[in-house]
């Protein structure tokens, strides 16, 4: 079974090692950052320009050695990240470890760090953070899988899905439990908050007859993914109100779908190489396999604005961009080209009122088994999906991508010479 924490770890591995230049587990050679000009660019996508270093802001405390999952920014310019500060990388070895890392807010104006963590949740003995995000008003929210008894993260044990809202000082403000689904059991992979406090949630929906593993039961039940919606078997994208009550499931026009062969039957086995499969499907005209389309949904990216809309990007090839209102209306729909071969979208932020910055990343392996990182930053028209410009970091720059700060600047996490954390601002002008 593919858990939401495992999806976060896949993303984390890519971002951590892209930035730090460390060796990938299971590879014999070193990691280097490939020049994106060596990869053939998509037709109509501007060639990458080199970003220009503008300033570095030093923070108290040790530098980040690995970032877990995406790094959202508030519209006030604060960075929110869950990161390790000492190697090795415990968050990459087990989902519970990564879920226990606090989210840290880096306030650029005050140069202070605030930690956010739910140390306890009344009524629950075990709980694991699946994802976190920042609403358009600067509130931090976190999505949890919570258990009444002590238990490891599992799809086979009765659990609740909670969304926790935090205060500015890092303490828990409030929480809601997602409820009211007409059938099935939801295992969420990500979420975002609308400006009115309602939520858009993506994930996997399992049958109501999924066997339940009671505490102490060593059996591992077989997972059957329910093929119940036109949006795709086992996938779920829906809206819950501010109290956590189910409002509606979204069936987005032109959304990624499984192959005809896969419709109506359980899908088993490990996920395929999504980037390679998607590229092949695009060239041959095939519909994506269930592994491809479900991964495209589970690795969706989102960004919310103050007009009560969320931009939702499916990690397919080409990527599909939707602007969805809190009422479930699709305001805009567009395709975003994958700018170069071998990359996928891994992060997205609003950049002003009408533009998005999307980080694309991927890896290639040469004949000497050296892993090469391809990382590209694209400025995208939010209404049309057109890539207006692409950018790259200067060579031999070891930084972790954070997010956009307006339409012309990007923020990165770095390290000072004496090992302190710093935020480095690069200009896209």
Foldseek 3Di string as FASTA:
>chain_A
DQALLNLQLVLQLQQLCQQAFQDRPPFDATEFADDQVVFDWDPPADDADAWFFDDKFFAPDFFFNTWGAAWAAELLGKIKTFGDRDDDGVSNPDQQVSQQGWIWIQDRVVRYIATADAPDDPQFDDKGWQDWYAARVGKIKTWIWTHNDDDDDDPQADTWIKIWIADPRRHTDDMATADDDPFFDWRWNDKYAFLQQKIKTKGFGFGNPQHHDDPPRPDDGDGFFAQDDPLETRIWIAIAGNRNYGDDTANDPPAAYAFPVPHPGGDDDDADPQQVQLVVCVVVVGRHHRSNRRSQRSQWEWEYHNVQWIWIWRFGAQIKIFIAHNVGDTPAIETAHDTGRFWTWRYWYDAPDFKMKTKIKGWDADPVSYIYIHIKIFIAGNRHNRTPHIYDHPGPRNWRWHGHNHRFKTWTWDADPVRGIMIIIIGND
